Amino acid sequence: ITAAAEAQAYSSGKAGTIKVAVNKNGDIFVDGQKETEITA
């Protein structure tokens, strides 16, 4: 989660609080993107 949030912040230039969603299977979603990549 930390790595995903940092990668998103680095690529977008955003600072502050970034929301990360995690499902039961352990999939990571940062700003609506699974591990910063759109899968579908």
Full PDB file with SEQRES, HELIX, SHEET, SSBOND, CRYST1, ORIGX, SCALE, CONECT and MASTER records, all heavy atoms in Angstrom:
SEQRES   1 A   40  ILE THR ALA ALA ALA GLU ALA GLN ALA TYR SER SER GLY          
SEQRES   2 A   40  LYS ALA GLY THR ILE LYS VAL ALA VAL ASN LYS ASN GLY          
SEQRES   3 A   40  ASP ILE PHE VAL ASP GLY GLN LYS GLU THR GLU ILE THR          
SEQRES   4 A   40  ALA                                                          
HELIX    1 AA1 THR A    2  SER A   12  1                                  11    
SHEET    1 AA1 3 VAL A  20  VAL A  22  0                                        
SHEET    2 AA1 3 ILE A  28  VAL A  30 -1                                        
SHEET    3 AA1 3 GLN A  33  LYS A  34 -1                                        
CRYST1    1.000    1.000    1.000  90.00  90.00  90.00 P 1           1          
ORIGX1      1.000000  0.000000  0.000000        0.00000                         
ORIGX2      0.000000  1.000000  0.000000        0.00000                         
ORIGX3      0.000000  0.000000  1.000000        0.00000                         
SCALE1      1.000000  0.000000  0.000000        0.00000                         
SCALE2      0.000000  1.000000  0.000000        0.00000                         
SCALE3      0.000000  0.000000  1.000000        0.00000                         
ATOM      1  N   ILE A   1       0.841  -1.204   0.000  1.00  0.00           N  
ATOM      2  CA  ILE A   1       0.000   0.000   0.000  1.00  0.00           C  
ATOM      3  C   ILE A   1       0.872   1.249   0.000  1.00  0.00           C  
ATOM      4  O   ILE A   1       0.636   2.211  -0.734  1.00  0.00           O  
ATOM      5  CB  ILE A   1      -0.938   0.004   1.228  1.00  0.00           C  
ATOM      6  CG1 ILE A   1      -1.957  -1.141   1.107  1.00  0.00           C  
ATOM      7  CG2 ILE A   1      -1.667   1.331   1.355  1.00  0.00           C  
ATOM      8  CD1 ILE A   1      -2.770  -1.351   2.353  1.00  0.00           C  
ATOM      9  N   THR A   2       1.895   1.233   0.848  1.00  0.00           N  
ATOM     10  CA  THR A   2       2.793   2.389   0.927  1.00  0.00           C  
ATOM     11  C   THR A   2       3.461   2.661  -0.416  1.00  0.00           C  
ATOM     12  O   THR A   2       3.509   3.805  -0.891  1.00  0.00           O  
ATOM     13  CB  THR A   2       3.873   2.139   1.995  1.00  0.00           C  
ATOM     14  OG1 THR A   2       3.240   1.879   3.245  1.00  0.00           O  
ATOM     15  CG2 THR A   2       4.788   3.358   2.127  1.00  0.00           C  
ATOM     16  N   ALA A   3       3.955   1.601  -1.056  1.00  0.00           N  
ATOM     17  CA  ALA A   3       4.628   1.768  -2.346  1.00  0.00           C  
ATOM     18  C   ALA A   3       3.664   2.276  -3.405  1.00  0.00           C  
ATOM     19  O   ALA A   3       3.999   3.141  -4.221  1.00  0.00           O  
ATOM     20  CB  ALA A   3       5.248   0.443  -2.780  1.00  0.00           C  
ATOM     21  N   ALA A   4       2.443   1.737  -3.395  1.00  0.00           N  
ATOM     22  CA  ALA A   4       1.455   2.159  -4.385  1.00  0.00           C  
ATOM     23  C   ALA A   4       1.081   3.617  -4.199  1.00  0.00           C  
ATOM     24  O   ALA A   4       0.955   4.389  -5.158  1.00  0.00           O  
ATOM     25  CB  ALA A   4       0.217   1.273  -4.299  1.00  0.00           C  
ATOM     26  N   ALA A   5       0.896   4.022  -2.948  1.00  0.00           N  
ATOM     27  CA  ALA A   5       0.540   5.414  -2.667  1.00  0.00           C  
ATOM     28  C   ALA A   5       1.668   6.359  -3.059  1.00  0.00           C  
ATOM     29  O   ALA A   5       1.452   7.423  -3.636  1.00  0.00           O  
ATOM     30  CB  ALA A   5       0.209   5.575  -1.187  1.00  0.00           C  
ATOM     31  N   GLU A   6       2.893   5.946  -2.760  1.00  0.00           N  
ATOM     32  CA  GLU A   6       4.045   6.791  -3.101  1.00  0.00           C  
ATOM     33  C   GLU A   6       4.206   6.919  -4.609  1.00  0.00           C  
ATOM     34  O   GLU A   6       4.476   8.007  -5.135  1.00  0.00           O  
ATOM     35  CB  GLU A   6       5.306   6.202  -2.490  1.00  0.00           C  
ATOM     36  CG  GLU A   6       6.554   7.041  -2.764  1.00  0.00           C  
ATOM     37  CD  GLU A   6       7.786   6.446  -2.112  1.00  0.00           C  
ATOM     38  OE1 GLU A   6       7.651   5.787  -1.076  1.00  0.00           O  
ATOM     39  OE2 GLU A   6       8.876   6.652  -2.666  1.00  0.00           O  
ATOM     40  N   ALA A   7       4.016   5.804  -5.320  1.00  0.00           N  
ATOM     41  CA  ALA A   7       4.131   5.842  -6.785  1.00  0.00           C  
ATOM     42  C   ALA A   7       3.084   6.771  -7.383  1.00  0.00           C  
ATOM     43  O   ALA A   7       3.357   7.531  -8.313  1.00  0.00           O  
ATOM     44  CB  ALA A   7       3.982   4.432  -7.349  1.00  0.00           C  
ATOM     45  N   GLN A   8       1.867   6.713  -6.834  1.00  0.00           N  
ATOM     46  CA  GLN A   8       0.806   7.576  -7.340  1.00  0.00           C  
ATOM     47  C   GLN A   8       1.133   9.040  -7.064  1.00  0.00           C  
ATOM     48  O   GLN A   8       0.946   9.908  -7.911  1.00  0.00           O  
ATOM     49  CB  GLN A   8      -0.529   7.202  -6.685  1.00  0.00           C  
ATOM     50  CG  GLN A   8      -1.702   8.085  -7.077  1.00  0.00           C  
ATOM     51  CD  GLN A   8      -2.076   7.915  -8.542  1.00  0.00           C  
ATOM     52  OE1 GLN A   8      -1.582   7.013  -9.210  1.00  0.00           O  
ATOM     53  NE2 GLN A   8      -2.920   8.787  -9.047  1.00  0.00           N  
ATOM     54  N   ALA A   9       1.643   9.315  -5.860  1.00  0.00           N  
ATOM     55  CA  ALA A   9       1.987  10.693  -5.513  1.00  0.00           C  
ATOM     56  C   ALA A   9       3.112  11.210  -6.391  1.00  0.00           C  
ATOM     57  O   ALA A   9       3.097  12.360  -6.829  1.00  0.00           O  
ATOM     58  CB  ALA A   9       2.399  10.774  -4.044  1.00  0.00           C  
ATOM     59  N   TYR A  10       4.069  10.342  -6.685  1.00  0.00           N  
ATOM     60  CA  TYR A  10       5.205  10.753  -7.502  1.00  0.00           C  
ATOM     61  C   TYR A  10       4.776  11.079  -8.927  1.00  0.00           C  
ATOM     62  O   TYR A  10       5.192  12.063  -9.524  1.00  0.00           O  
ATOM     63  CB  TYR A  10       6.264   9.658  -7.510  1.00  0.00           C  
ATOM     64  CG  TYR A  10       7.497   9.999  -8.296  1.00  0.00           C  
ATOM     65  CD1 TYR A  10       8.480  10.811  -7.742  1.00  0.00           C  
ATOM     66  CD2 TYR A  10       7.673   9.542  -9.587  1.00  0.00           C  
ATOM     67  CE1 TYR A  10       9.618  11.154  -8.464  1.00  0.00           C  
ATOM     68  CE2 TYR A  10       8.799   9.880 -10.313  1.00  0.00           C  
ATOM     69  CZ  TYR A  10       9.761  10.677  -9.741  1.00  0.00           C  
ATOM     70  OH  TYR A  10      10.870  11.017 -10.460  1.00  0.00           O  
ATOM     71  N   SER A  11       3.898  10.232  -9.481  1.00  0.00           N  
ATOM     72  CA  SER A  11       3.496  10.419 -10.870  1.00  0.00           C  
ATOM     73  C   SER A  11       2.514  11.572 -11.039  1.00  0.00           C  
ATOM     74  O   SER A  11       2.502  12.237 -12.072  1.00  0.00           O  
ATOM     75  CB  SER A  11       2.875   9.126 -11.412  1.00  0.00           C  
ATOM     76  OG  SER A  11       1.718   8.800 -10.669  1.00  0.00           O  
ATOM     77  N   SER A  12       1.698  11.805 -10.031  1.00  0.00           N  
ATOM     78  CA  SER A  12       0.680  12.849 -10.159  1.00  0.00           C  
ATOM     79  C   SER A  12       1.127  14.193  -9.596  1.00  0.00           C  
ATOM     80  O   SER A  12       0.528  15.228  -9.884  1.00  0.00           O  
ATOM     81  CB  SER A  12      -0.602  12.412  -9.437  1.00  0.00           C  
ATOM     82  OG  SER A  12      -0.364  12.314  -8.039  1.00  0.00           O  
ATOM     83  N   GLY A  13       2.179  14.157  -8.776  1.00  0.00           N  
ATOM     84  CA  GLY A  13       2.631  15.401  -8.155  1.00  0.00           C  
ATOM     85  C   GLY A  13       1.784  15.821  -6.974  1.00  0.00           C  
ATOM     86  O   GLY A  13       1.901  16.934  -6.463  1.00  0.00           O  
ATOM     87  N   LYS A  14       0.916  14.927  -6.501  1.00  0.00           N  
ATOM     88  CA  LYS A  14       0.030  15.262  -5.383  1.00  0.00           C  
ATOM     89  C   LYS A  14       0.753  15.070  -4.057  1.00  0.00           C  
ATOM     90  O   LYS A  14       1.614  14.235  -3.917  1.00  0.00           O  
ATOM     91  CB  LYS A  14      -1.224  14.392  -5.416  1.00  0.00           C  
ATOM     92  CG  LYS A  14      -2.119  14.624  -6.630  1.00  0.00           C  
ATOM     93  CD  LYS A  14      -3.315  13.693  -6.587  1.00  0.00           C  
ATOM     94  CE  LYS A  14      -4.199  13.909  -7.795  1.00  0.00           C  
ATOM     95  NZ  LYS A  14      -5.351  12.977  -7.803  1.00  0.00           N  
ATOM     96  N   ALA A  15       0.366  15.852  -3.088  1.00  0.00           N  
ATOM     97  CA  ALA A  15       0.887  15.694  -1.744  1.00  0.00           C  
ATOM     98  C   ALA A  15      -0.304  15.615  -0.798  1.00  0.00           C  
ATOM     99  O   ALA A  15      -1.445  15.842  -1.183  1.00  0.00           O  
ATOM    100  CB  ALA A  15       1.794  16.853  -1.381  1.00  0.00           C  
ATOM    101  N   GLY A  16      -0.036  15.303   0.472  1.00  0.00           N  
ATOM    102  CA  GLY A  16      -1.109  15.242   1.451  1.00  0.00           C  
ATOM    103  C   GLY A  16      -1.640  13.834   1.593  1.00  0.00           C  
ATOM    104  O   GLY A  16      -0.880  12.868   1.611  1.00  0.00           O  
ATOM    105  N   THR A  17      -2.954  13.692   1.678  1.00  0.00           N  
ATOM    106  CA  THR A  17      -3.570  12.388   1.915  1.00  0.00           C  
ATOM    107  C   THR A  17      -4.042  11.766   0.611  1.00  0.00           C  
ATOM    108  O   THR A  17      -4.739  12.378  -0.177  1.00  0.00           O  
ATOM    109  CB  THR A  17      -4.766  12.526   2.873  1.00  0.00           C  
ATOM    110  OG1 THR A  17      -4.307  13.068   4.103  1.00  0.00           O  
ATOM    111  CG2 THR A  17      -5.416  11.165   3.121  1.00  0.00           C  
ATOM    112  N   ILE A  18      -3.643  10.540   0.403  1.00  0.00           N  
ATOM    113  CA  ILE A  18      -4.077   9.786  -0.768  1.00  0.00           C  
ATOM    114  C   ILE A  18      -4.861   8.572  -0.283  1.00  0.00           C  
ATOM    115  O   ILE A  18      -4.429   7.852   0.619  1.00  0.00           O  
ATOM    116  CB  ILE A  18      -2.871   9.346  -1.609  1.00  0.00           C  
ATOM    117  CG1 ILE A  18      -2.230  10.571  -2.255  1.00  0.00           C  
ATOM    118  CG2 ILE A  18      -3.286   8.348  -2.681  1.00  0.00           C  
ATOM    119  CD1 ILE A  18      -1.031  10.251  -3.081  1.00  0.00           C  
ATOM    120  N   LYS A  19      -6.039   8.361  -0.860  1.00  0.00           N  
ATOM    121  CA  LYS A  19      -6.871   7.241  -0.437  1.00  0.00           C  
ATOM    122  C   LYS A  19      -6.515   5.985  -1.229  1.00  0.00           C  
ATOM    123  O   LYS A  19      -6.386   6.011  -2.437  1.00  0.00           O  
ATOM    124  CB  LYS A  19      -8.346   7.579  -0.621  1.00  0.00           C  
ATOM    125  CG  LYS A  19      -8.853   8.629   0.365  1.00  0.00           C  
ATOM    126  CD  LYS A  19     -10.346   8.851   0.219  1.00  0.00           C  
ATOM    127  CE  LYS A  19     -10.838   9.850   1.264  1.00  0.00           C  
ATOM    128  NZ  LYS A  19     -12.303  10.079   1.155  1.00  0.00           N  
ATOM    129  N   VAL A  20      -6.377   4.913  -0.474  1.00  0.00           N  
ATOM    130  CA  VAL A  20      -6.044   3.629  -1.080  1.00  0.00           C  
ATOM    131  C   VAL A  20      -7.148   2.641  -0.728  1.00  0.00           C  
ATOM    132  O   VAL A  20      -7.561   2.553   0.429  1.00  0.00           O  
ATOM    133  CB  VAL A  20      -4.690   3.105  -0.566  1.00  0.00           C  
ATOM    134  CG1 VAL A  20      -4.362   1.758  -1.190  1.00  0.00           C  
ATOM    135  CG2 VAL A  20      -3.599   4.109  -0.865  1.00  0.00           C  
ATOM    136  N   ALA A  21      -7.648   1.915  -1.712  1.00  0.00           N  
ATOM    137  CA  ALA A  21      -8.668   0.897  -1.471  1.00  0.00           C  
ATOM    138  C   ALA A  21      -8.047  -0.481  -1.570  1.00  0.00           C  
ATOM    139  O   ALA A  21      -7.225  -0.738  -2.441  1.00  0.00           O  
ATOM    140  CB  ALA A  21      -9.805   1.041  -2.472  1.00  0.00           C  
ATOM    141  N   VAL A  22      -8.425  -1.364  -0.663  1.00  0.00           N  
ATOM    142  CA  VAL A  22      -7.915  -2.731  -0.651  1.00  0.00           C  
ATOM    143  C   VAL A  22      -9.106  -3.680  -0.564  1.00  0.00           C  
ATOM    144  O   VAL A  22      -9.981  -3.504   0.282  1.00  0.00           O  
ATOM    145  CB  VAL A  22      -6.977  -2.965   0.557  1.00  0.00           C  
ATOM    146  CG1 VAL A  22      -6.377  -4.361   0.492  1.00  0.00           C  
ATOM    147  CG2 VAL A  22      -5.892  -1.918   0.600  1.00  0.00           C  
ATOM    148  N   ASN A  23      -9.152  -4.673  -1.425  1.00  0.00           N  
ATOM    149  CA  ASN A  23     -10.247  -5.638  -1.299  1.00  0.00           C  
ATOM    150  C   ASN A  23      -9.786  -6.861  -0.514  1.00  0.00           C  
ATOM    151  O   ASN A  23      -8.610  -6.983  -0.134  1.00  0.00           O  
ATOM    152  CB  ASN A  23     -10.821  -6.005  -2.667  1.00  0.00           C  
ATOM    153  CG  ASN A  23      -9.841  -6.805  -3.517  1.00  0.00           C  
ATOM    154  OD1 ASN A  23      -8.817  -7.260  -3.042  1.00  0.00           O  
ATOM    155  ND2 ASN A  23     -10.168  -6.973  -4.785  1.00  0.00           N  
ATOM    156  N   LYS A  24     -10.702  -7.751  -0.305  1.00  0.00           N  
ATOM    157  CA  LYS A  24     -10.432  -8.907   0.546  1.00  0.00           C  
ATOM    158  C   LYS A  24      -9.338  -9.795  -0.024  1.00  0.00           C  
ATOM    159  O   LYS A  24      -8.634 -10.492   0.714  1.00  0.00           O  
ATOM    160  CB  LYS A  24     -11.731  -9.698   0.733  1.00  0.00           C  
ATOM    161  CG  LYS A  24     -11.635 -10.802   1.780  1.00  0.00           C  
ATOM    162  CD  LYS A  24     -12.990 -11.436   1.976  1.00  0.00           C  
ATOM    163  CE  LYS A  24     -12.906 -12.538   3.037  1.00  0.00           C  
ATOM    164  NZ  LYS A  24     -14.238 -13.159   3.270  1.00  0.00           N  
ATOM    165  N   ASN A  25      -9.202  -9.759  -1.349  1.00  0.00           N  
ATOM    166  CA  ASN A  25      -8.181 -10.593  -1.992  1.00  0.00           C  
ATOM    167  C   ASN A  25      -6.794  -9.969  -1.941  1.00  0.00           C  
ATOM    168  O   ASN A  25      -5.833 -10.553  -2.432  1.00  0.00           O  
ATOM    169  CB  ASN A  25      -8.567 -10.840  -3.450  1.00  0.00           C  
ATOM    170  CG  ASN A  25      -9.869 -11.600  -3.562  1.00  0.00           C  
ATOM    171  OD1 ASN A  25     -10.152 -12.461  -2.737  1.00  0.00           O  
ATOM    172  ND2 ASN A  25     -10.661 -11.262  -4.568  1.00  0.00           N  
ATOM    173  N   GLY A  26      -6.719  -8.768  -1.369  1.00  0.00           N  
ATOM    174  CA  GLY A  26      -5.424  -8.100  -1.274  1.00  0.00           C  
ATOM    175  C   GLY A  26      -5.070  -7.261  -2.473  1.00  0.00           C  
ATOM    176  O   GLY A  26      -3.940  -6.794  -2.588  1.00  0.00           O  
ATOM    177  N   ASP A  27      -6.012  -7.033  -3.385  1.00  0.00           N  
ATOM    178  CA  ASP A  27      -5.751  -6.168  -4.533  1.00  0.00           C  
ATOM    179  C   ASP A  27      -5.712  -4.713  -4.082  1.00  0.00           C  
ATOM    180  O   ASP A  27      -6.531  -4.275  -3.266  1.00  0.00           O  
ATOM    181  CB  ASP A  27      -6.839  -6.340  -5.600  1.00  0.00           C  
ATOM    182  CG  ASP A  27      -6.831  -7.749  -6.189  1.00  0.00           C  
ATOM    183  OD1 ASP A  27      -5.728  -8.297  -6.338  1.00  0.00           O  
ATOM    184  OD2 ASP A  27      -7.926  -8.262  -6.483  1.00  0.00           O  
ATOM    185  N   ILE A  28      -4.771  -3.961  -4.621  1.00  0.00           N  
ATOM    186  CA  ILE A  28      -4.570  -2.566  -4.234  1.00  0.00           C  
ATOM    187  C   ILE A  28      -5.150  -1.648  -5.300  1.00  0.00           C  
ATOM    188  O   ILE A  28      -4.940  -1.856  -6.494  1.00  0.00           O  
ATOM    189  CB  ILE A  28      -3.071  -2.242  -4.074  1.00  0.00           C  
ATOM    190  CG1 ILE A  28      -2.416  -3.250  -3.119  1.00  0.00           C  
ATOM    191  CG2 ILE A  28      -2.873  -0.817  -3.566  1.00  0.00           C  
ATOM    192  CD1 ILE A  28      -2.917  -3.178  -1.711  1.00  0.00           C  
ATOM    193  N   PHE A  29      -5.884  -0.606  -4.860  1.00  0.00           N  
ATOM    194  CA  PHE A  29      -6.403   0.400  -5.780  1.00  0.00           C  
ATOM    195  C   PHE A  29      -6.030   1.774  -5.250  1.00  0.00           C  
ATOM    196  O   PHE A  29      -6.405   2.138  -4.134  1.00  0.00           O  
ATOM    197  CB  PHE A  29      -7.929   0.291  -5.908  1.00  0.00           C  
ATOM    198  CG  PHE A  29      -8.379  -1.022  -6.476  1.00  0.00           C  
ATOM    199  CD1 PHE A  29      -8.593  -2.120  -5.657  1.00  0.00           C  
ATOM    200  CD2 PHE A  29      -8.553  -1.159  -7.836  1.00  0.00           C  
ATOM    201  CE1 PHE A  29      -8.983  -3.329  -6.192  1.00  0.00           C  
ATOM    202  CE2 PHE A  29      -8.950  -2.375  -8.380  1.00  0.00           C  
ATOM    203  CZ  PHE A  29      -9.169  -3.466  -7.548  1.00  0.00           C  
ATOM    204  N   VAL A  30      -5.255   2.519  -6.024  1.00  0.00           N  
ATOM    205  CA  VAL A  30      -4.869   3.880  -5.651  1.00  0.00           C  
ATOM    206  C   VAL A  30      -5.563   4.831  -6.603  1.00  0.00           C  
ATOM    207  O   VAL A  30      -5.363   4.765  -7.816  1.00  0.00           O  
ATOM    208  CB  VAL A  30      -3.340   4.080  -5.728  1.00  0.00           C  
ATOM    209  CG1 VAL A  30      -2.980   5.482  -5.272  1.00  0.00           C  
ATOM    210  CG2 VAL A  30      -2.637   3.046  -4.880  1.00  0.00           C  
ATOM    211  N   ASP A  31      -6.378   5.726  -6.045  1.00  0.00           N  
ATOM    212  CA  ASP A  31      -7.155   6.658  -6.867  1.00  0.00           C  
ATOM    213  C   ASP A  31      -7.915   5.933  -7.974  1.00  0.00           C  
ATOM    214  O   ASP A  31      -7.976   6.368  -9.117  1.00  0.00           O  
ATOM    215  CB  ASP A  31      -6.242   7.726  -7.490  1.00  0.00           C  
ATOM    216  CG  ASP A  31      -5.906   8.812  -6.476  1.00  0.00           C  
ATOM    217  OD1 ASP A  31      -6.477   8.767  -5.364  1.00  0.00           O  
ATOM    218  OD2 ASP A  31      -5.106   9.689  -6.795  1.00  0.00           O  
ATOM    219  N   GLY A  32      -8.477   4.798  -7.619  1.00  0.00           N  
ATOM    220  CA  GLY A  32      -9.312   4.074  -8.564  1.00  0.00           C  
ATOM    221  C   GLY A  32      -8.570   3.204  -9.547  1.00  0.00           C  
ATOM    222  O   GLY A  32      -9.181   2.607 -10.418  1.00  0.00           O  
ATOM    223  N   GLN A  33      -7.259   3.107  -9.430  1.00  0.00           N  
ATOM    224  CA  GLN A  33      -6.496   2.305 -10.382  1.00  0.00           C  
ATOM    225  C   GLN A  33      -5.799   1.166  -9.652  1.00  0.00           C  
ATOM    226  O   GLN A  33      -5.166   1.366  -8.625  1.00  0.00           O  
ATOM    227  CB  GLN A  33      -5.453   3.165 -11.107  1.00  0.00           C  
ATOM    228  CG  GLN A  33      -6.060   4.289 -11.917  1.00  0.00           C  
ATOM    229  CD  GLN A  33      -5.000   5.075 -12.660  1.00  0.00           C  
ATOM    230  OE1 GLN A  33      -3.955   4.553 -12.969  1.00  0.00           O  
ATOM    231  NE2 GLN A  33      -5.301   6.317 -12.950  1.00  0.00           N  
ATOM    232  N   LYS A  34      -5.931  -0.011 -10.216  1.00  0.00           N  
ATOM    233  CA  LYS A  34      -5.328  -1.176  -9.589  1.00  0.00           C  
ATOM    234  C   LYS A  34      -3.819  -1.136  -9.757  1.00  0.00           C  
ATOM    235  O   LYS A  34      -3.305  -1.241 -10.866  1.00  0.00           O  
ATOM    236  CB  LYS A  34      -5.899  -2.456 -10.203  1.00  0.00           C  
ATOM    237  CG  LYS A  34      -5.397  -3.731  -9.527  1.00  0.00           C  
ATOM    238  CD  LYS A  34      -6.059  -4.951 -10.127  1.00  0.00           C  
ATOM    239  CE  LYS A  34      -5.573  -6.216  -9.444  1.00  0.00           C  
ATOM    240  NZ  LYS A  34      -6.210  -7.426 -10.002  1.00  0.00           N  
ATOM    241  N   GLU A  35      -3.133  -0.981  -8.623  1.00  0.00           N  
ATOM    242  CA  GLU A  35      -1.676  -0.877  -8.631  1.00  0.00           C  
ATOM    243  C   GLU A  35      -1.196   0.114  -9.694  1.00  0.00           C  
ATOM    244  O   GLU A  35      -0.255  -0.139 -10.430  1.00  0.00           O  
ATOM    245  CB  GLU A  35      -1.040  -2.254  -8.842  1.00  0.00           C  
ATOM    246  CG  GLU A  35      -1.340  -3.212  -7.704  1.00  0.00           C  
ATOM    247  CD  GLU A  35      -0.698  -4.574  -7.890  1.00  0.00           C  
ATOM    248  OE1 GLU A  35       0.191  -4.692  -8.739  1.00  0.00           O  
ATOM    249  OE2 GLU A  35      -1.090  -5.502  -7.183  1.00  0.00           O  
ATOM    250  N   THR A  36      -1.912   1.222  -9.759  1.00  0.00           N  
ATOM    251  CA  THR A  36      -1.628   2.369 -10.642  1.00  0.00           C  
ATOM    252  C   THR A  36      -1.778   2.032 -12.122  1.00  0.00           C  
ATOM    253  O   THR A  36      -1.346   2.786 -12.968  1.00  0.00           O  
ATOM    254  CB  THR A  36      -0.217   2.943 -10.403  1.00  0.00           C  
ATOM    255  OG1 THR A  36       0.741   2.019 -10.894  1.00  0.00           O  
ATOM    256  CG2 THR A  36       0.036   3.242  -8.949  1.00  0.00           C  
ATOM    257  N   GLU A  37      -2.409   0.888 -12.437  1.00  0.00           N  
ATOM    258  CA  GLU A  37      -2.637   0.558 -13.841  1.00  0.00           C  
ATOM    259  C   GLU A  37      -4.108   0.225 -14.060  1.00  0.00           C  
ATOM    260  O   GLU A  37      -4.725  -0.472 -13.254  1.00  0.00           O  
ATOM    261  CB  GLU A  37      -1.801  -0.649 -14.271  1.00  0.00           C  
ATOM    262  CG  GLU A  37      -0.307  -0.375 -14.304  1.00  0.00           C  
ATOM    263  CD  GLU A  37       0.469  -1.579 -14.772  1.00  0.00           C  
ATOM    264  OE1 GLU A  37      -0.174  -2.578 -15.130  1.00  0.00           O  
ATOM    265  OE2 GLU A  37       1.709  -1.509 -14.781  1.00  0.00           O  
ATOM    266  N   ILE A  38      -4.690   0.731 -15.138  1.00  0.00           N  
ATOM    267  CA  ILE A  38      -6.078   0.433 -15.474  1.00  0.00           C  
ATOM    268  C   ILE A  38      -6.126  -0.950 -16.111  1.00  0.00           C  
ATOM    269  O   ILE A  38      -5.484  -1.198 -17.129  1.00  0.00           O  
ATOM    270  CB  ILE A  38      -6.649   1.483 -16.438  1.00  0.00           C  
ATOM    271  CG1 ILE A  38      -6.616   2.862 -15.775  1.00  0.00           C  
ATOM    272  CG2 ILE A  38      -8.066   1.137 -16.856  1.00  0.00           C  
ATOM    273  CD1 ILE A  38      -7.013   3.988 -16.698  1.00  0.00           C  
ATOM    274  N   THR A  39      -6.909  -1.839 -15.512  1.00  0.00           N  
ATOM    275  CA  THR A  39      -6.945  -3.219 -16.001  1.00  0.00           C  
ATOM    276  C   THR A  39      -8.119  -3.479 -16.930  1.00  0.00           C  
ATOM    277  O   THR A  39      -8.101  -4.425 -17.704  1.00  0.00           O  
ATOM    278  CB  THR A  39      -7.016  -4.198 -14.825  1.00  0.00           C  
ATOM    279  OG1 THR A  39      -8.171  -3.875 -14.028  1.00  0.00           O  
ATOM    280  CG2 THR A  39      -5.784  -4.071 -13.958  1.00  0.00           C  
ATOM    281  N   ALA A  40      -9.180  -2.692 -16.832  1.00  0.00           N  
ATOM    282  CA  ALA A  40     -10.344  -2.895 -17.698  1.00  0.00           C  
ATOM    283  C   ALA A  40     -11.059  -1.573 -17.889  1.00  0.00           C  
ATOM    284  O   ALA A  40     -11.061  -0.732 -16.994  1.00  0.00           O  
ATOM    285  CB  ALA A  40     -11.285  -3.919 -17.089  1.00  0.00           C  
TER     286      ALA A  40                                                      
MASTER        0    0    0    1    3    0    0    6  285    1    0    4          
END                                                                             
